[in-house]
Each structure stands twice: as structure tokens, then as C-alpha cells.
Amino acid sequence: MSENKSERFNLFWLCKQTGRKHPAGVAFFNESQADYRLKIDTMPDDKLIYLKVSSMSDGKMLYRVETAVKKQGRVTHRAEIGSGYANADEGYPVYMDIGPFERSLVMEPAI
């Protein structure tokens, strides 16, 4: 996948008390896997984090936040590390809760 040709999204940390947003990184949509690759500033570049639609319920798109689990340098599977949701009609923003972070991670289309 060539990330230059992929649609880019901005990531923000959302403070639940103040509602303020702080830059957190970028995300790219991968059409072949139908998921997003998240590049979160507070995580090492080699940490592979993905966002994938898991289901729809009551007008909301529900997501799984996953990390790639490596064994001897090879990805063996993905493990769920959080969840997210978005309004099904608009699709964005996507709000995610990833343990152990207190703030919500938010993904919005880049303008």
C-alpha cells in the first residue's frame, strides 16, 4: 500500500473535562483491508495500530481498535486494545477509547 495515495485523516486526543482537542497523529485508510492504519504520536513507529468496523447498531458504526502481535519479527495475529464509534449517517468523527489512555482518541478527515 502506498500511503501517499491513501486518504489521510487527522487524530486528536479529546479531553473529556474541557472538550479541548490536542494533535495525536494521522491515519490512512487501506482499501484492500477495509481498515485504517493509525500512526499515534505517543506510540513507537513500529507499533502497528488498526481501526476496523466491527458492526452497526442503533444508527452507530462500532469499531475495534487492534494492534498487530508479532512473534519472532512476524505478525501472527491482531489483538483488540480498544473500541470506537461514529454516527452511521456521517461516518466521522470516530471516537475511540484505547486503554490505558484517559483521553478519547478522535479521527476526522484531513481538510
N, C-alpha and C. Protein backbone atom coordinates (compact mmCIF):
# COMPACT_ATOMS: atom_id res chain seq x y z
N MET A 1 0.84 -1.18 0.00
CA MET A 1 0.00 0.00 0.00
C MET A 1 0.88 1.24 0.00
N SER A 2 0.63 2.15 -0.87
CA SER A 2 1.33 3.42 -0.91
C SER A 2 0.52 4.45 -0.16
N GLU A 3 1.02 4.88 1.00
CA GLU A 3 0.24 5.78 1.84
C GLU A 3 0.07 7.16 1.21
N ASN A 4 0.91 7.55 0.24
CA ASN A 4 0.76 8.86 -0.40
C ASN A 4 -0.57 8.94 -1.15
N LYS A 5 -1.04 7.82 -1.66
CA LYS A 5 -2.27 7.82 -2.45
C LYS A 5 -3.50 7.54 -1.60
N SER A 6 -3.32 7.23 -0.32
CA SER A 6 -4.43 6.92 0.55
C SER A 6 -5.05 8.19 1.12
N GLU A 7 -6.31 8.07 1.46
CA GLU A 7 -6.98 9.19 2.10
C GLU A 7 -6.40 9.37 3.51
N ARG A 8 -6.09 10.62 3.86
CA ARG A 8 -5.45 10.92 5.14
C ARG A 8 -6.48 11.46 6.13
N PHE A 9 -6.32 11.09 7.39
CA PHE A 9 -7.18 11.54 8.47
C PHE A 9 -6.32 12.08 9.60
N ASN A 10 -6.85 13.04 10.34
CA ASN A 10 -6.15 13.59 11.49
C ASN A 10 -6.63 12.91 12.76
N LEU A 11 -5.70 12.69 13.70
CA LEU A 11 -6.03 12.13 15.00
C LEU A 11 -5.84 13.21 16.07
N PHE A 12 -6.76 13.23 17.04
CA PHE A 12 -6.70 14.18 18.14
C PHE A 12 -7.01 13.46 19.44
N TRP A 13 -6.37 13.91 20.53
CA TRP A 13 -6.77 13.48 21.87
C TRP A 13 -7.83 14.47 22.32
N LEU A 14 -8.95 13.98 22.82
CA LEU A 14 -10.05 14.81 23.29
C LEU A 14 -10.10 14.74 24.81
N CYS A 15 -9.93 15.89 25.47
CA CYS A 15 -10.04 15.95 26.93
C CYS A 15 -11.52 15.92 27.28
N LYS A 16 -11.93 14.92 28.04
CA LYS A 16 -13.35 14.74 28.37
C LYS A 16 -13.87 15.84 29.29
N GLN A 17 -12.98 16.45 30.11
CA GLN A 17 -13.41 17.51 31.02
C GLN A 17 -13.58 18.84 30.30
N THR A 18 -12.62 19.21 29.44
CA THR A 18 -12.63 20.55 28.84
C THR A 18 -13.17 20.56 27.41
N GLY A 19 -13.17 19.41 26.72
CA GLY A 19 -13.59 19.35 25.33
C GLY A 19 -12.51 19.82 24.36
N ARG A 20 -11.31 20.14 24.88
CA ARG A 20 -10.22 20.60 24.01
C ARG A 20 -9.59 19.43 23.27
N LYS A 21 -9.15 19.72 22.04
CA LYS A 21 -8.50 18.70 21.20
C LYS A 21 -7.01 19.02 21.10
N HIS A 22 -6.19 17.98 21.20
CA HIS A 22 -4.75 18.11 21.07
C HIS A 22 -4.28 17.16 19.97
N PRO A 23 -3.40 17.60 19.06
CA PRO A 23 -2.93 16.74 17.97
C PRO A 23 -2.37 15.42 18.49
N ALA A 24 -2.69 14.31 17.80
CA ALA A 24 -2.26 12.99 18.25
C ALA A 24 -1.62 12.15 17.15
N GLY A 25 -1.66 12.61 15.88
CA GLY A 25 -1.07 11.83 14.80
C GLY A 25 -1.94 11.84 13.56
N VAL A 26 -1.77 10.80 12.73
CA VAL A 26 -2.51 10.69 11.48
C VAL A 26 -2.98 9.26 11.28
N ALA A 27 -3.92 9.09 10.35
CA ALA A 27 -4.42 7.77 9.99
C ALA A 27 -4.61 7.72 8.49
N PHE A 28 -4.52 6.52 7.93
CA PHE A 28 -4.70 6.30 6.50
C PHE A 28 -5.64 5.14 6.30
N PHE A 29 -6.56 5.26 5.32
CA PHE A 29 -7.48 4.17 5.02
C PHE A 29 -6.82 3.21 4.04
N ASN A 30 -6.90 1.92 4.34
CA ASN A 30 -6.36 0.87 3.50
C ASN A 30 -7.54 0.14 2.85
N GLU A 31 -7.79 0.43 1.56
CA GLU A 31 -8.95 -0.15 0.88
C GLU A 31 -8.91 -1.67 0.82
N SER A 32 -7.74 -2.24 0.59
CA SER A 32 -7.66 -3.70 0.43
C SER A 32 -8.01 -4.44 1.72
N GLN A 33 -7.73 -3.85 2.88
CA GLN A 33 -8.06 -4.48 4.16
C GLN A 33 -9.33 -3.90 4.79
N ALA A 34 -9.85 -2.81 4.20
CA ALA A 34 -11.03 -2.11 4.72
C ALA A 34 -10.83 -1.70 6.18
N ASP A 35 -9.61 -1.17 6.47
CA ASP A 35 -9.34 -0.67 7.81
C ASP A 35 -8.46 0.57 7.73
N TYR A 36 -8.24 1.17 8.87
CA TYR A 36 -7.41 2.36 8.98
C TYR A 36 -6.13 2.00 9.71
N ARG A 37 -5.01 2.53 9.26
CA ARG A 37 -3.72 2.37 9.95
C ARG A 37 -3.50 3.66 10.72
N LEU A 38 -3.40 3.56 12.05
CA LEU A 38 -3.23 4.72 12.90
C LEU A 38 -1.76 4.92 13.24
N LYS A 39 -1.28 6.12 13.08
CA LYS A 39 0.09 6.49 13.48
C LYS A 39 -0.06 7.50 14.61
N ILE A 40 -0.01 6.98 15.84
CA ILE A 40 -0.25 7.79 17.03
C ILE A 40 1.10 8.29 17.56
N ASP A 41 1.20 9.61 17.75
CA ASP A 41 2.46 10.24 18.14
C ASP A 41 3.07 9.67 19.41
N THR A 42 2.25 9.23 20.34
CA THR A 42 2.77 8.74 21.62
C THR A 42 3.21 7.28 21.58
N MET A 43 3.10 6.65 20.42
CA MET A 43 3.49 5.24 20.29
C MET A 43 4.65 5.13 19.30
N PRO A 44 5.52 4.13 19.48
CA PRO A 44 6.64 3.95 18.55
C PRO A 44 6.15 3.69 17.12
N ASP A 45 6.96 4.12 16.13
CA ASP A 45 6.57 3.94 14.72
C ASP A 45 6.35 2.49 14.33
N ASP A 46 7.03 1.56 14.99
CA ASP A 46 6.88 0.15 14.63
C ASP A 46 5.67 -0.51 15.31
N LYS A 47 4.95 0.23 16.14
CA LYS A 47 3.73 -0.29 16.78
C LYS A 47 2.59 -0.14 15.78
N LEU A 48 2.06 -1.25 15.29
CA LEU A 48 1.00 -1.23 14.28
C LEU A 48 -0.36 -1.22 14.95
N ILE A 49 -1.10 -0.11 14.75
CA ILE A 49 -2.43 0.06 15.33
C ILE A 49 -3.43 0.21 14.18
N TYR A 50 -4.54 -0.51 14.28
CA TYR A 50 -5.55 -0.50 13.22
C TYR A 50 -6.92 -0.18 13.81
N LEU A 51 -7.79 0.39 12.97
CA LEU A 51 -9.17 0.67 13.31
C LEU A 51 -10.04 0.01 12.24
N LYS A 52 -10.97 -0.83 12.67
CA LYS A 52 -11.79 -1.60 11.72
C LYS A 52 -13.23 -1.62 12.19
N VAL A 53 -14.16 -1.42 11.25
CA VAL A 53 -15.59 -1.51 11.58
C VAL A 53 -15.90 -2.93 12.04
N SER A 54 -16.60 -3.04 13.17
CA SER A 54 -16.96 -4.37 13.67
C SER A 54 -18.45 -4.66 13.49
N SER A 55 -19.31 -3.60 13.59
CA SER A 55 -20.75 -3.82 13.40
C SER A 55 -21.46 -2.47 13.36
N MET A 56 -22.76 -2.54 13.11
CA MET A 56 -23.62 -1.35 13.16
C MET A 56 -24.77 -1.65 14.11
N SER A 57 -25.12 -0.63 14.91
CA SER A 57 -26.21 -0.82 15.87
C SER A 57 -26.83 0.52 16.21
N ASP A 58 -28.14 0.62 16.13
CA ASP A 58 -28.88 1.83 16.51
C ASP A 58 -28.30 3.10 15.89
N GLY A 59 -28.01 3.07 14.60
CA GLY A 59 -27.51 4.27 13.92
C GLY A 59 -26.06 4.60 14.20
N LYS A 60 -25.33 3.68 14.82
CA LYS A 60 -23.91 3.89 15.11
C LYS A 60 -23.08 2.80 14.44
N MET A 61 -21.92 3.23 13.93
CA MET A 61 -20.93 2.28 13.44
C MET A 61 -20.01 1.99 14.62
N LEU A 62 -19.83 0.72 14.91
CA LEU A 62 -18.97 0.31 16.02
C LEU A 62 -17.65 -0.20 15.46
N TYR A 63 -16.56 0.14 16.14
CA TYR A 63 -15.21 -0.18 15.67
C TYR A 63 -14.44 -0.98 16.71
N ARG A 64 -13.45 -1.70 16.21
CA ARG A 64 -12.44 -2.36 17.04
C ARG A 64 -11.12 -1.64 16.80
N VAL A 65 -10.39 -1.36 17.87
CA VAL A 65 -9.02 -0.84 17.75
C VAL A 65 -8.12 -2.04 18.05
N GLU A 66 -7.23 -2.33 17.09
CA GLU A 66 -6.40 -3.54 17.20
C GLU A 66 -4.92 -3.19 17.06
N THR A 67 -4.10 -4.02 17.65
CA THR A 67 -2.66 -3.92 17.45
C THR A 67 -2.17 -5.24 16.87
N ALA A 68 -1.14 -5.13 16.03
CA ALA A 68 -0.55 -6.33 15.45
C ALA A 68 0.36 -6.97 16.50
N VAL A 69 0.19 -8.27 16.71
CA VAL A 69 1.02 -9.01 17.65
C VAL A 69 2.09 -9.74 16.86
N LYS A 70 3.35 -9.46 17.22
CA LYS A 70 4.47 -10.06 16.50
C LYS A 70 5.14 -11.15 17.33
N LYS A 71 5.58 -12.18 16.62
CA LYS A 71 6.36 -13.24 17.25
C LYS A 71 7.53 -13.51 16.32
N GLN A 72 8.73 -13.37 16.83
CA GLN A 72 9.96 -13.54 16.05
C GLN A 72 9.96 -12.64 14.81
N GLY A 73 9.49 -11.38 15.01
CA GLY A 73 9.52 -10.40 13.94
C GLY A 73 8.40 -10.49 12.92
N ARG A 74 7.52 -11.47 13.05
CA ARG A 74 6.41 -11.64 12.10
C ARG A 74 5.08 -11.42 12.82
N VAL A 75 4.14 -10.78 12.11
CA VAL A 75 2.81 -10.57 12.68
C VAL A 75 2.06 -11.90 12.67
N THR A 76 1.62 -12.33 13.85
CA THR A 76 0.91 -13.60 13.94
C THR A 76 -0.61 -13.40 14.01
N HIS A 77 -1.04 -12.31 14.62
CA HIS A 77 -2.46 -12.01 14.71
C HIS A 77 -2.65 -10.59 15.22
N ARG A 78 -3.90 -10.18 15.32
CA ARG A 78 -4.23 -8.87 15.88
C ARG A 78 -4.99 -9.06 17.18
N ALA A 79 -4.71 -8.17 18.14
CA ALA A 79 -5.40 -8.22 19.43
C ALA A 79 -6.16 -6.91 19.63
N GLU A 80 -7.37 -7.01 20.17
CA GLU A 80 -8.18 -5.82 20.42
C GLU A 80 -7.63 -5.07 21.63
N ILE A 81 -7.41 -3.74 21.46
CA ILE A 81 -6.90 -2.91 22.55
C ILE A 81 -7.84 -1.74 22.87
N GLY A 82 -8.96 -1.68 22.15
CA GLY A 82 -9.91 -0.60 22.41
C GLY A 82 -11.12 -0.72 21.51
N SER A 83 -12.00 0.27 21.62
CA SER A 83 -13.21 0.27 20.81
C SER A 83 -13.53 1.71 20.40
N GLY A 84 -14.42 1.83 19.44
CA GLY A 84 -14.79 3.15 18.97
C GLY A 84 -16.19 3.15 18.39
N TYR A 85 -16.66 4.37 18.08
CA TYR A 85 -17.98 4.50 17.48
C TYR A 85 -18.05 5.79 16.67
N ALA A 86 -18.99 5.82 15.73
CA ALA A 86 -19.26 7.01 14.92
C ALA A 86 -20.73 6.97 14.53
N ASN A 87 -21.28 8.13 14.18
CA ASN A 87 -22.63 8.23 13.67
C ASN A 87 -22.65 7.56 12.29
N ALA A 88 -23.54 6.62 12.07
CA ALA A 88 -23.57 5.86 10.82
C ALA A 88 -23.89 6.75 9.62
N ASP A 89 -24.68 7.81 9.80
CA ASP A 89 -25.05 8.68 8.68
C ASP A 89 -23.86 9.50 8.18
N GLU A 90 -23.10 10.07 9.09
CA GLU A 90 -21.98 10.92 8.70
C GLU A 90 -20.66 10.16 8.61
N GLY A 91 -20.47 9.15 9.46
CA GLY A 91 -19.25 8.36 9.44
C GLY A 91 -18.10 8.94 10.23
N TYR A 92 -18.08 10.26 10.42
CA TYR A 92 -16.99 10.92 11.16
C TYR A 92 -17.59 12.01 12.03
N PRO A 93 -16.93 12.37 13.11
CA PRO A 93 -15.68 11.82 13.63
C PRO A 93 -15.89 10.44 14.26
N VAL A 94 -14.78 9.70 14.37
CA VAL A 94 -14.78 8.41 15.06
C VAL A 94 -14.16 8.65 16.43
N TYR A 95 -14.87 8.28 17.48
CA TYR A 95 -14.39 8.41 18.85
C TYR A 95 -13.90 7.06 19.34
N MET A 96 -12.67 7.02 19.87
CA MET A 96 -12.08 5.75 20.30
C MET A 96 -11.61 5.83 21.75
N ASP A 97 -11.78 4.74 22.46
CA ASP A 97 -11.21 4.59 23.79
C ASP A 97 -10.18 3.48 23.70
N ILE A 98 -8.93 3.85 24.03
CA ILE A 98 -7.83 2.90 23.98
C ILE A 98 -7.19 2.86 25.36
N GLY A 99 -7.22 1.68 26.00
CA GLY A 99 -6.54 1.57 27.29
C GLY A 99 -5.05 1.65 27.07
N PRO A 100 -4.33 2.26 27.93
CA PRO A 100 -4.63 2.85 29.23
C PRO A 100 -4.85 4.37 29.17
N PHE A 101 -5.11 4.93 28.00
CA PHE A 101 -5.24 6.38 27.86
C PHE A 101 -6.56 6.88 28.44
N GLU A 102 -6.48 7.97 29.21
CA GLU A 102 -7.67 8.55 29.83
C GLU A 102 -8.49 9.35 28.82
N ARG A 103 -7.80 9.99 27.89
CA ARG A 103 -8.49 10.81 26.89
C ARG A 103 -8.97 9.94 25.74
N SER A 104 -10.03 10.40 25.08
CA SER A 104 -10.53 9.71 23.89
C SER A 104 -9.69 10.12 22.69
N LEU A 105 -9.46 9.19 21.79
CA LEU A 105 -8.78 9.47 20.53
C LEU A 105 -9.88 9.70 19.50
N VAL A 106 -9.74 10.78 18.71
CA VAL A 106 -10.76 11.14 17.74
C VAL A 106 -10.11 11.17 16.35
N MET A 107 -10.78 10.58 15.35
CA MET A 107 -10.29 10.60 13.97
C MET A 107 -11.27 11.40 13.13
N GLU A 108 -10.72 12.38 12.38
CA GLU A 108 -11.52 13.22 11.48
C GLU A 108 -10.82 13.29 10.14
N PRO A 109 -11.58 13.48 9.04
CA PRO A 109 -10.94 13.64 7.74
C PRO A 109 -10.04 14.88 7.74
N ALA A 110 -8.89 14.78 7.08
CA ALA A 110 -7.99 15.94 6.93
C ALA A 110 -8.64 16.90 5.95
N ILE A 111 -8.51 18.18 6.21
CA ILE A 111 -9.12 19.19 5.33
C ILE A 111 -8.10 19.68 4.32
